[in-house]
């Protein structure tokens, strides 16, 4: 790997970011105008969302009603960092191809 080779960050348009989050593009525009929603990059008229920032925003806005009901001083609710780790692990599980058992071969 050469010193300037690095993994490219995935930047999404407003339309793709909205689809990724499950919202309408107008919702993201509305949030931007009010200083809310996920972080974004703007250069002139181009608006882009870093996919990592979208994942972080989702993790920090994820609520589990069961955890909220069960929270107590001895068992606090799951924080945003834990949500992010759980989200990352779920993505890895979905993207990792199944391993072959001894004696199996790929079709």
PDB file of N, CA and C in Angstrom:
ATOM      1  N   UNK A   1       0.846  -1.174   0.000  1.00  0.00           N
ATOM      2  CA  UNK A   1       0.000   0.000   0.000  1.00  0.00           C
ATOM      3  C   UNK A   1       0.893   1.239   0.000  1.00  0.00           C
ATOM      4  N   UNK A   2       0.682   2.105  -0.951  1.00  0.00           N
ATOM      5  CA  UNK A   2       1.469   3.329  -1.008  1.00  0.00           C
ATOM      6  C   UNK A   2       1.002   4.284   0.070  1.00  0.00           C
ATOM      7  N   UNK A   3       1.872   5.237   0.433  1.00  0.00           N
ATOM      8  CA  UNK A   3       1.553   6.126   1.547  1.00  0.00           C
ATOM      9  C   UNK A   3       0.314   6.972   1.308  1.00  0.00           C
ATOM     10  N   UNK A   4      -0.068   7.218   0.042  1.00  0.00           N
ATOM     11  CA  UNK A   4      -1.249   8.031  -0.215  1.00  0.00           C
ATOM     12  C   UNK A   4      -2.473   7.197  -0.558  1.00  0.00           C
ATOM     13  N   UNK A   5      -2.348   5.881  -0.490  1.00  0.00           N
ATOM     14  CA  UNK A   5      -3.515   5.018  -0.668  1.00  0.00           C
ATOM     15  C   UNK A   5      -4.265   4.949   0.654  1.00  0.00           C
ATOM     16  N   UNK A   6      -5.521   5.227   0.623  1.00  0.00           N
ATOM     17  CA  UNK A   6      -6.334   5.169   1.830  1.00  0.00           C
ATOM     18  C   UNK A   6      -7.755   4.830   1.427  1.00  0.00           C
ATOM     19  N   UNK A   7      -8.492   4.220   2.342  1.00  0.00           N
ATOM     20  CA  UNK A   7      -9.881   3.890   2.002  1.00  0.00           C
ATOM     21  C   UNK A   7     -10.689   5.173   1.807  1.00  0.00           C
ATOM     22  N   UNK A   8     -11.466   5.194   0.760  1.00  0.00           N
ATOM     23  CA  UNK A   8     -12.291   6.361   0.486  1.00  0.00           C
ATOM     24  C   UNK A   8     -13.477   6.404   1.433  1.00  0.00           C
ATOM     25  N   UNK A   9     -13.798   7.595   1.879  1.00  0.00           N
ATOM     26  CA  UNK A   9     -14.988   7.761   2.712  1.00  0.00           C
ATOM     27  C   UNK A   9     -16.196   7.773   1.793  1.00  0.00           C
ATOM     28  N   UNK A  10     -17.286   7.239   2.267  1.00  0.00           N
ATOM     29  CA  UNK A  10     -18.501   7.150   1.466  1.00  0.00           C
ATOM     30  C   UNK A  10     -19.368   8.379   1.730  1.00  0.00           C
ATOM     31  N   UNK A  11     -19.463   9.273   0.748  1.00  0.00           N
ATOM     32  CA  UNK A  11     -20.307  10.457   0.873  1.00  0.00           C
ATOM     33  C   UNK A  11     -21.554  10.263   0.023  1.00  0.00           C
ATOM     34  N   UNK A  12     -22.701  10.587   0.602  1.00  0.00           N
ATOM     35  CA  UNK A  12     -23.978  10.385  -0.071  1.00  0.00           C
ATOM     36  C   UNK A  12     -24.660  11.718  -0.345  1.00  0.00           C
ATOM     37  N   UNK A  13     -25.379  11.780  -1.450  1.00  0.00           N
ATOM     38  CA  UNK A  13     -26.197  12.952  -1.735  1.00  0.00           C
ATOM     39  C   UNK A  13     -27.347  12.996  -0.744  1.00  0.00           C
ATOM     40  N   UNK A  14     -28.063  14.107  -0.726  1.00  0.00           N
ATOM     41  CA  UNK A  14     -29.217  14.229   0.169  1.00  0.00           C
ATOM     42  C   UNK A  14     -30.244  13.134  -0.130  1.00  0.00           C
ATOM     43  N   UNK A  15     -30.477  12.879  -1.407  1.00  0.00           N
ATOM     44  CA  UNK A  15     -31.458  11.857  -1.797  1.00  0.00           C
ATOM     45  C   UNK A  15     -31.047  10.478  -1.279  1.00  0.00           C
ATOM     46  N   UNK A  16     -29.769  10.120  -1.456  1.00  0.00           N
ATOM     47  CA  UNK A  16     -29.302   8.812  -0.999  1.00  0.00           C
ATOM     48  C   UNK A  16     -29.247   8.737   0.524  1.00  0.00           C
ATOM     49  N   UNK A  17     -28.823   9.822   1.160  1.00  0.00           N
ATOM     50  CA  UNK A  17     -28.777   9.845   2.630  1.00  0.00           C
ATOM     51  C   UNK A  17     -30.176   9.691   3.209  1.00  0.00           C
ATOM     52  N   UNK A  18     -31.149  10.362   2.596  1.00  0.00           N
ATOM     53  CA  UNK A  18     -32.529  10.254   3.069  1.00  0.00           C
ATOM     54  C   UNK A  18     -33.032   8.816   2.928  1.00  0.00           C
ATOM     55  N   UNK A  19     -32.738   8.193   1.806  1.00  0.00           N
ATOM     56  CA  UNK A  19     -33.150   6.797   1.601  1.00  0.00           C
ATOM     57  C   UNK A  19     -32.453   5.892   2.619  1.00  0.00           C
ATOM     58  N   UNK A  20     -31.194   6.139   2.879  1.00  0.00           N
ATOM     59  CA  UNK A  20     -30.421   5.349   3.842  1.00  0.00           C
ATOM     60  C   UNK A  20     -31.027   5.446   5.241  1.00  0.00           C
ATOM     61  N   UNK A  21     -31.481   6.644   5.602  1.00  0.00           N
ATOM     62  CA  UNK A  21     -32.070   6.860   6.929  1.00  0.00           C
ATOM     63  C   UNK A  21     -33.554   6.519   6.991  1.00  0.00           C
ATOM     64  N   UNK A  22     -34.201   6.427   5.827  1.00  0.00           N
ATOM     65  CA  UNK A  22     -35.629   6.136   5.805  1.00  0.00           C
ATOM     66  C   UNK A  22     -36.501   7.376   5.894  1.00  0.00           C
ATOM     67  N   UNK A  23     -35.982   8.517   5.455  1.00  0.00           N
ATOM     68  CA  UNK A  23     -36.725   9.771   5.456  1.00  0.00           C
ATOM     69  C   UNK A  23     -36.848  10.301   4.034  1.00  0.00           C
ATOM     70  N   UNK A  24     -37.609  11.358   3.869  1.00  0.00           N
ATOM     71  CA  UNK A  24     -37.703  12.055   2.597  1.00  0.00           C
ATOM     72  C   UNK A  24     -36.558  13.070   2.510  1.00  0.00           C
ATOM     73  N   UNK A  25     -36.045  13.360   1.301  1.00  0.00           N
ATOM     74  CA  UNK A  25     -35.004  14.377   1.162  1.00  0.00           C
ATOM     75  C   UNK A  25     -35.422  15.730   1.746  1.00  0.00           C
ATOM     76  N   UNK A  26     -36.698  16.072   1.635  1.00  0.00           N
ATOM     77  CA  UNK A  26     -37.178  17.345   2.183  1.00  0.00           C
ATOM     78  C   UNK A  26     -36.998  17.408   3.700  1.00  0.00           C
ATOM     79  N   UNK A  27     -37.070  16.264   4.363  1.00  0.00           N
ATOM     80  CA  UNK A  27     -36.876  16.232   5.814  1.00  0.00           C
ATOM     81  C   UNK A  27     -35.448  16.625   6.162  1.00  0.00           C
ATOM     82  N   UNK A  28     -34.460  16.082   5.431  1.00  0.00           N
ATOM     83  CA  UNK A  28     -33.068  16.438   5.685  1.00  0.00           C
ATOM     84  C   UNK A  28     -32.825  17.916   5.391  1.00  0.00           C
ATOM     85  N   UNK A  29     -33.428  18.417   4.320  1.00  0.00           N
ATOM     86  CA  UNK A  29     -33.286  19.842   3.997  1.00  0.00           C
ATOM     87  C   UNK A  29     -33.878  20.700   5.119  1.00  0.00           C
ATOM     88  N   UNK A  30     -35.044  20.314   5.593  1.00  0.00           N
ATOM     89  CA  UNK A  30     -35.711  21.031   6.690  1.00  0.00           C
ATOM     90  C   UNK A  30     -34.815  21.041   7.934  1.00  0.00           C
ATOM     91  N   UNK A  31     -34.242  19.890   8.268  1.00  0.00           N
ATOM     92  CA  UNK A  31     -33.359  19.798   9.426  1.00  0.00           C
ATOM     93  C   UNK A  31     -32.125  20.682   9.245  1.00  0.00           C
ATOM     94  N   UNK A  32     -31.535  20.656   8.040  1.00  0.00           N
ATOM     95  CA  UNK A  32     -30.348  21.491   7.787  1.00  0.00           C
ATOM     96  C   UNK A  32     -30.670  22.961   8.020  1.00  0.00           C
ATOM     97  N   UNK A  33     -31.825  23.409   7.546  1.00  0.00           N
ATOM     98  CA  UNK A  33     -32.208  24.812   7.684  1.00  0.00           C
ATOM     99  C   UNK A  33     -32.399  25.203   9.142  1.00  0.00           C
ATOM    100  N   UNK A  34     -32.700  24.251   9.984  1.00  0.00           N
ATOM    101  CA  UNK A  34     -32.934  24.525  11.401  1.00  0.00           C
ATOM    102  C   UNK A  34     -31.781  24.092  12.306  1.00  0.00           C
ATOM    103  N   UNK A  35     -30.673  23.681  11.676  1.00  0.00           N
ATOM    104  CA  UNK A  35     -29.504  23.281  12.456  1.00  0.00           C
ATOM    105  C   UNK A  35     -29.679  21.979  13.197  1.00  0.00           C
ATOM    106  N   UNK A  36     -30.468  21.080  12.643  1.00  0.00           N
ATOM    107  CA  UNK A  36     -30.726  19.783  13.271  1.00  0.00           C
ATOM    108  C   UNK A  36     -30.286  18.671  12.332  1.00  0.00           C
ATOM    109  N   UNK A  37     -30.507  17.433  12.758  1.00  0.00           N
ATOM    110  CA  UNK A  37     -30.213  16.281  11.911  1.00  0.00           C
ATOM    111  C   UNK A  37     -28.742  15.911  11.911  1.00  0.00           C
ATOM    112  N   UNK A  38     -28.395  14.966  11.033  1.00  0.00           N
ATOM    113  CA  UNK A  38     -27.010  14.488  10.989  1.00  0.00           C
ATOM    114  C   UNK A  38     -26.060  15.538  10.395  1.00  0.00           C
ATOM    115  N   UNK A  39     -24.769  15.387  10.715  1.00  0.00           N
ATOM    116  CA  UNK A  39     -23.753  16.287  10.164  1.00  0.00           C
ATOM    117  C   UNK A  39     -23.697  16.133   8.655  1.00  0.00           C
ATOM    118  N   UNK A  40     -23.286  17.199   7.976  1.00  0.00           N
ATOM    119  CA  UNK A  40     -23.161  17.168   6.520  1.00  0.00           C
ATOM    120  C   UNK A  40     -22.014  18.075   6.098  1.00  0.00           C
ATOM    121  N   UNK A  41     -21.605  17.895   4.854  1.00  0.00           N
ATOM    122  CA  UNK A  41     -20.562  18.718   4.261  1.00  0.00           C
ATOM    123  C   UNK A  41     -21.210  19.526   3.148  1.00  0.00           C
ATOM    124  N   UNK A  42     -20.894  20.813   3.089  1.00  0.00           N
ATOM    125  CA  UNK A  42     -21.462  21.652   2.041  1.00  0.00           C
ATOM    126  C   UNK A  42     -20.340  22.416   1.356  1.00  0.00           C
ATOM    127  N   UNK A  43     -20.297  22.316   0.046  1.00  0.00           N
ATOM    128  CA  UNK A  43     -19.352  23.071  -0.767  1.00  0.00           C
ATOM    129  C   UNK A  43     -20.156  23.726  -1.889  1.00  0.00           C
ATOM    130  N   UNK A  44     -20.209  25.030  -1.866  1.00  0.00           N
ATOM    131  CA  UNK A  44     -21.084  25.779  -2.776  1.00  0.00           C
ATOM    132  C   UNK A  44     -22.514  25.279  -2.584  1.00  0.00           C
ATOM    133  N   UNK A  45     -23.067  24.673  -3.616  1.00  0.00           N
ATOM    134  CA  UNK A  45     -24.446  24.180  -3.514  1.00  0.00           C
ATOM    135  C   UNK A  45     -24.525  22.684  -3.245  1.00  0.00           C
ATOM    136  N   UNK A  46     -23.390  22.008  -3.294  1.00  0.00           N
ATOM    137  CA  UNK A  46     -23.378  20.554  -3.111  1.00  0.00           C
ATOM    138  C   UNK A  46     -23.407  20.200  -1.625  1.00  0.00           C
ATOM    139  N   UNK A  47     -24.364  19.379  -1.245  1.00  0.00           N
ATOM    140  CA  UNK A  47     -24.485  18.887   0.128  1.00  0.00           C
ATOM    141  C   UNK A  47     -24.228  17.385   0.092  1.00  0.00           C
ATOM    142  N   UNK A  48     -23.345  16.924   0.980  1.00  0.00           N
ATOM    143  CA  UNK A  48     -23.030  15.499   1.063  1.00  0.00           C
ATOM    144  C   UNK A  48     -23.034  15.072   2.523  1.00  0.00           C
ATOM    145  N   UNK A  49     -23.417  13.827   2.731  1.00  0.00           N
ATOM    146  CA  UNK A  49     -23.453  13.228   4.064  1.00  0.00           C
ATOM    147  C   UNK A  49     -22.460  12.080   4.109  1.00  0.00           C
ATOM    148  N   UNK A  50     -21.593  12.090   5.105  1.00  0.00           N
ATOM    149  CA  UNK A  50     -20.662  10.995   5.323  1.00  0.00           C
ATOM    150  C   UNK A  50     -21.456   9.826   5.909  1.00  0.00           C
ATOM    151  N   UNK A  51     -21.303   8.655   5.324  1.00  0.00           N
ATOM    152  CA  UNK A  51     -22.077   7.505   5.789  1.00  0.00           C
ATOM    153  C   UNK A  51     -21.761   7.182   7.250  1.00  0.00           C
ATOM    154  N   UNK A  52     -20.526   7.381   7.676  1.00  0.00           N
ATOM    155  CA  UNK A  52     -20.174   7.160   9.074  1.00  0.00           C
ATOM    156  C   UNK A  52     -20.917   8.113  10.002  1.00  0.00           C
ATOM    157  N   UNK A  53     -21.080   9.367   9.567  1.00  0.00           N
ATOM    158  CA  UNK A  53     -21.839  10.333  10.369  1.00  0.00           C
ATOM    159  C   UNK A  53     -23.313   9.942  10.452  1.00  0.00           C
ATOM    160  N   UNK A  54     -23.839   9.387   9.357  1.00  0.00           N
ATOM    161  CA  UNK A  54     -25.242   8.932   9.378  1.00  0.00           C
ATOM    162  C   UNK A  54     -25.402   7.774  10.362  1.00  0.00           C
ATOM    163  N   UNK A  55     -24.445   6.849  10.357  1.00  0.00           N
ATOM    164  CA  UNK A  55     -24.501   5.725  11.303  1.00  0.00           C
ATOM    165  C   UNK A  55     -24.417   6.222  12.741  1.00  0.00           C
ATOM    166  N   UNK A  56     -23.535   7.180  12.989  1.00  0.00           N
ATOM    167  CA  UNK A  56     -23.402   7.743  14.329  1.00  0.00           C
ATOM    168  C   UNK A  56     -24.690   8.441  14.752  1.00  0.00           C
ATOM    169  N   UNK A  57     -25.278   9.198  13.846  1.00  0.00           N
ATOM    170  CA  UNK A  57     -26.526   9.907  14.151  1.00  0.00           C
ATOM    171  C   UNK A  57     -27.636   8.905  14.472  1.00  0.00           C
ATOM    172  N   UNK A  58     -27.717   7.831  13.675  1.00  0.00           N
ATOM    173  CA  UNK A  58     -28.717   6.793  13.958  1.00  0.00           C
ATOM    174  C   UNK A  58     -28.488   6.173  15.331  1.00  0.00           C
ATOM    175  N   UNK A  59     -27.235   5.873  15.644  1.00  0.00           N
ATOM    176  CA  UNK A  59     -26.925   5.234  16.923  1.00  0.00           C
ATOM    177  C   UNK A  59     -27.284   6.137  18.096  1.00  0.00           C
ATOM    178  N   UNK A  60     -27.034   7.431  17.946  1.00  0.00           N
ATOM    179  CA  UNK A  60     -27.317   8.341  19.056  1.00  0.00           C
ATOM    180  C   UNK A  60     -28.795   8.671  19.175  1.00  0.00           C
ATOM    181  N   UNK A  61     -29.585   8.334  18.157  1.00  0.00           N
ATOM    182  CA  UNK A  61     -31.023   8.602  18.210  1.00  0.00           C
ATOM    183  C   UNK A  61     -31.847   7.324  18.310  1.00  0.00           C
ATOM    184  N   UNK A  62     -31.183   6.218  18.579  1.00  0.00           N
ATOM    185  CA  UNK A  62     -31.872   4.940  18.727  1.00  0.00           C
ATOM    186  C   UNK A  62     -32.309   4.772  20.174  1.00  0.00           C
ATOM    187  N   UNK A  63     -33.562   4.463  20.364  1.00  0.00           N
ATOM    188  CA  UNK A  63     -34.105   4.240  21.706  1.00  0.00           C
ATOM    189  C   UNK A  63     -34.732   2.853  21.744  1.00  0.00           C
ATOM    190  N   UNK A  64     -34.484   2.139  22.804  1.00  0.00           N
ATOM    191  CA  UNK A  64     -35.069   0.826  23.017  1.00  0.00           C
ATOM    192  C   UNK A  64     -36.061   0.945  24.162  1.00  0.00           C
ATOM    193  N   UNK A  65     -37.357   0.911  23.870  1.00  0.00           N
ATOM    194  CA  UNK A  65     -38.347   1.080  24.930  1.00  0.00           C
ATOM    195  C   UNK A  65     -38.191   0.088  26.073  1.00  0.00           C
ATOM    196  N   UNK A  66     -37.781  -1.128  25.758  1.00  0.00           N
ATOM    197  CA  UNK A  66     -37.612  -2.126  26.821  1.00  0.00           C
ATOM    198  C   UNK A  66     -36.513  -1.692  27.786  1.00  0.00           C
ATOM    199  N   UNK A  67     -35.436  -1.130  27.240  1.00  0.00           N
ATOM    200  CA  UNK A  67     -34.348  -0.667  28.106  1.00  0.00           C
ATOM    201  C   UNK A  67     -34.782   0.544  28.920  1.00  0.00           C
ATOM    202  N   UNK A  68     -35.570   1.424  28.317  1.00  0.00           N
ATOM    203  CA  UNK A  68     -36.030   2.605  29.045  1.00  0.00           C
ATOM    204  C   UNK A  68     -36.947   2.208  30.200  1.00  0.00           C
ATOM    205  N   UNK A  69     -37.819   1.226  29.973  1.00  0.00           N
ATOM    206  CA  UNK A  69     -38.715   0.756  31.036  1.00  0.00           C
ATOM    207  C   UNK A  69     -37.938   0.058  32.140  1.00  0.00           C
ATOM    208  N   UNK A  70     -36.911  -0.698  31.738  1.00  0.00           N
ATOM    209  CA  UNK A  70     -36.174  -1.505  32.709  1.00  0.00           C
ATOM    210  C   UNK A  70     -35.036  -0.731  33.371  1.00  0.00           C
ATOM    211  N   UNK A  71     -34.801   0.508  32.932  1.00  0.00           N
ATOM    212  CA  UNK A  71     -33.658   1.237  33.492  1.00  0.00           C
ATOM    213  C   UNK A  71     -33.895   1.537  34.963  1.00  0.00           C
ATOM    214  N   UNK A  72     -32.839   1.425  35.704  1.00  0.00           N
ATOM    215  CA  UNK A  72     -32.868   1.691  37.134  1.00  0.00           C
ATOM    216  C   UNK A  72     -31.479   2.150  37.542  1.00  0.00           C
ATOM    217  N   UNK A  73     -31.287   2.601  38.778  1.00  0.00           N
ATOM    218  CA  UNK A  73     -29.950   3.000  39.202  1.00  0.00           C
ATOM    219  C   UNK A  73     -28.925   1.876  39.074  1.00  0.00           C
ATOM    220  N   UNK A  74     -29.369   0.619  39.168  1.00  0.00           N
ATOM    221  CA  UNK A  74     -28.430  -0.495  39.046  1.00  0.00           C
ATOM    222  C   UNK A  74     -28.239  -0.924  37.603  1.00  0.00           C
ATOM    223  N   UNK A  75     -29.143  -0.524  36.695  1.00  0.00           N
ATOM    224  CA  UNK A  75     -29.049  -0.908  35.290  1.00  0.00           C
ATOM    225  C   UNK A  75     -29.403   0.298  34.428  1.00  0.00           C
ATOM    226  N   UNK A  76     -28.411   1.173  34.156  1.00  0.00           N
ATOM    227  CA  UNK A  76     -28.704   2.360  33.358  1.00  0.00           C
ATOM    228  C   UNK A  76     -29.009   2.004  31.907  1.00  0.00           C
ATOM    229  N   UNK A  77     -29.713   2.871  31.175  1.00  0.00           N
ATOM    230  CA  UNK A  77     -29.994   2.600  29.771  1.00  0.00           C
ATOM    231  C   UNK A  77     -28.707   2.588  28.948  1.00  0.00           C
ATOM    232  N   UNK A  78     -28.750   1.931  27.797  1.00  0.00           N
ATOM    233  CA  UNK A  78     -27.591   1.839  26.911  1.00  0.00           C
ATOM    234  C   UNK A  78     -27.287   3.225  26.353  1.00  0.00           C
ATOM    235  N   UNK A  79     -26.015   3.614  26.380  1.00  0.00           N
ATOM    236  CA  UNK A  79     -25.639   4.933  25.886  1.00  0.00           C
ATOM    237  C   UNK A  79     -25.368   4.905  24.384  1.00  0.00           C
ATOM    238  N   UNK A  80     -25.093   6.076  23.816  1.00  0.00           N
ATOM    239  CA  UNK A  80     -24.901   6.208  22.374  1.00  0.00           C
ATOM    240  C   UNK A  80     -23.697   5.411  21.885  1.00  0.00           C
ATOM    241  N   UNK A  81     -22.614   5.403  22.651  1.00  0.00           N
ATOM    242  CA  UNK A  81     -21.417   4.668  22.229  1.00  0.00           C
ATOM    243  C   UNK A  81     -21.712   3.176  22.125  1.00  0.00           C
ATOM    244  N   UNK A  82     -22.458   2.646  23.076  1.00  0.00           N
ATOM    245  CA  UNK A  82     -22.825   1.229  23.036  1.00  0.00           C
ATOM    246  C   UNK A  82     -23.733   0.954  21.846  1.00  0.00           C
ATOM    247  N   UNK A  83     -24.669   1.861  21.580  1.00  0.00           N
ATOM    248  CA  UNK A  83     -25.530   1.707  20.406  1.00  0.00           C
ATOM    249  C   UNK A  83     -24.710   1.654  19.132  1.00  0.00           C
ATOM    250  N   UNK A  84     -23.679   2.499  19.036  1.00  0.00           N
ATOM    251  CA  UNK A  84     -22.841   2.530  17.844  1.00  0.00           C
ATOM    252  C   UNK A  84     -22.093   1.216  17.665  1.00  0.00           C
ATOM    253  N   UNK A  85     -21.586   0.666  18.751  1.00  0.00           N
ATOM    254  CA  UNK A  85     -20.887  -0.626  18.683  1.00  0.00           C
ATOM    255  C   UNK A  85     -21.857  -1.716  18.250  1.00  0.00           C
ATOM    256  N   UNK A  86     -23.054  -1.733  18.811  1.00  0.00           N
ATOM    257  CA  UNK A  86     -24.050  -2.736  18.432  1.00  0.00           C
ATOM    258  C   UNK A  86     -24.424  -2.606  16.966  1.00  0.00           C
ATOM    259  N   UNK A  87     -24.583  -1.372  16.471  1.00  0.00           N
ATOM    260  CA  UNK A  87     -24.913  -1.134  15.068  1.00  0.00           C
ATOM    261  C   UNK A  87     -23.779  -1.624  14.171  1.00  0.00           C
ATOM    262  N   UNK A  88     -22.534  -1.325  14.534  1.00  0.00           N
ATOM    263  CA  UNK A  88     -21.388  -1.764  13.737  1.00  0.00           C
ATOM    264  C   UNK A  88     -21.302  -3.283  13.702  1.00  0.00           C
ATOM    265  N   UNK A  89     -21.518  -3.931  14.839  1.00  0.00           N
ATOM    266  CA  UNK A  89     -21.481  -5.393  14.880  1.00  0.00           C
ATOM    267  C   UNK A  89     -22.581  -5.999  14.016  1.00  0.00           C
ATOM    268  N   UNK A  90     -23.762  -5.397  14.040  1.00  0.00           N
ATOM    269  CA  UNK A  90     -24.866  -5.902  13.213  1.00  0.00           C
ATOM    270  C   UNK A  90     -24.536  -5.768  11.733  1.00  0.00           C
ATOM    271  N   UNK A  91     -23.906  -4.657  11.354  1.00  0.00           N
ATOM    272  CA  UNK A  91     -23.517  -4.463   9.952  1.00  0.00           C
ATOM    273  C   UNK A  91     -22.477  -5.500   9.541  1.00  0.00           C
ATOM    274  N   UNK A  92     -21.508  -5.769  10.415  1.00  0.00           N
ATOM    275  CA  UNK A  92     -20.485  -6.767  10.108  1.00  0.00           C
ATOM    276  C   UNK A  92     -21.105  -8.139   9.921  1.00  0.00           C
ATOM    277  N   UNK A  93     -22.042  -8.480  10.782  1.00  0.00           N
ATOM    278  CA  UNK A  93     -22.700  -9.785  10.672  1.00  0.00           C
ATOM    279  C   UNK A  93     -23.450  -9.909   9.355  1.00  0.00           C
ATOM    280  N   UNK A  94     -24.074  -8.819   8.905  1.00  0.00           N
ATOM    281  CA  UNK A  94     -24.815  -8.860   7.646  1.00  0.00           C
ATOM    282  C   UNK A  94     -23.884  -8.923   6.446  1.00  0.00           C
ATOM    283  N   UNK A  95     -22.686  -8.311   6.535  1.00  0.00           N
ATOM    284  CA  UNK A  95     -21.805  -8.217   5.376  1.00  0.00           C
ATOM    285  C   UNK A  95     -20.780  -9.346   5.303  1.00  0.00           C
ATOM    286  N   UNK A  96     -20.603 -10.110   6.370  1.00  0.00           N
ATOM    287  CA  UNK A  96     -19.613 -11.181   6.382  1.00  0.00           C
ATOM    288  C   UNK A  96     -20.220 -12.425   5.745  1.00  0.00           C
ATOM    289  N   UNK A  97     -19.559 -12.944   4.688  1.00  0.00           N
ATOM    290  CA  UNK A  97     -20.103 -14.152   4.062  1.00  0.00           C
ATOM    291  C   UNK A  97     -19.998 -15.343   5.010  1.00  0.00           C
ATOM    292  N   UNK A  98     -20.912 -16.271   4.897  1.00  0.00           N
ATOM    293  CA  UNK A  98     -20.859 -17.437   5.781  1.00  0.00           C
ATOM    294  C   UNK A  98     -19.586 -18.243   5.527  1.00  0.00           C
ATOM    295  N   UNK A  99     -19.029 -18.803   6.571  1.00  0.00           N
ATOM    296  CA  UNK A  99     -17.811 -19.607   6.433  1.00  0.00           C
ATOM    297  C   UNK A  99     -18.190 -21.031   6.075  1.00  0.00           C
ATOM    298  N   UNK A 100     -17.270 -21.685   5.391  1.00  0.00           N
ATOM    299  CA  UNK A 100     -17.498 -23.069   4.997  1.00  0.00           C
ATOM    300  C   UNK A 100     -17.067 -24.000   6.118  1.00  0.00           C
ATOM    301  N   UNK A 101     -17.814 -25.068   6.293  1.00  0.00           N
ATOM    302  CA  UNK A 101     -17.454 -26.106   7.251  1.00  0.00           C
ATOM    303  C   UNK A 101     -16.464 -27.048   6.583  1.00  0.00           C
ATOM    304  N   UNK A 102     -15.759 -27.843   7.365  1.00  0.00           N
ATOM    305  CA  UNK A 102     -14.806 -28.804   6.810  1.00  0.00           C
ATOM    306  C   UNK A 102     -15.486 -29.700   5.788  1.00  0.00           C
ATOM    307  N   UNK A 103     -14.876 -29.825   4.624  1.00  0.00           N
ATOM    308  CA  UNK A 103     -15.411 -30.694   3.588  1.00  0.00           C
ATOM    309  C   UNK A 103     -16.378 -30.004   2.639  1.00  0.00           C
ATOM    310  N   UNK A 104     -16.854 -28.790   2.962  1.00  0.00           N
ATOM    311  CA  UNK A 104     -17.785 -28.088   2.085  1.00  0.00           C
ATOM    312  C   UNK A 104     -17.006 -27.337   1.004  1.00  0.00           C
ATOM    313  N   UNK A 105     -17.658 -27.143  -0.116  1.00  0.00           N
ATOM    314  CA  UNK A 105     -17.055 -26.345  -1.185  1.00  0.00           C
ATOM    315  C   UNK A 105     -18.084 -25.366  -1.729  1.00  0.00           C
ATOM    316  N   UNK A 106     -17.600 -24.292  -2.295  1.00  0.00           N
ATOM    317  CA  UNK A 106     -18.498 -23.291  -2.880  1.00  0.00           C
ATOM    318  C   UNK A 106     -19.033 -23.813  -4.209  1.00  0.00           C
ATOM    319  N   UNK A 107     -20.290 -23.519  -4.535  1.00  0.00           N
ATOM    320  CA  UNK A 107     -20.852 -23.984  -5.812  1.00  0.00           C
ATOM    321  C   UNK A 107     -20.201 -23.295  -6.983  1.00  0.00           C
TER     322      UNK A 107
END
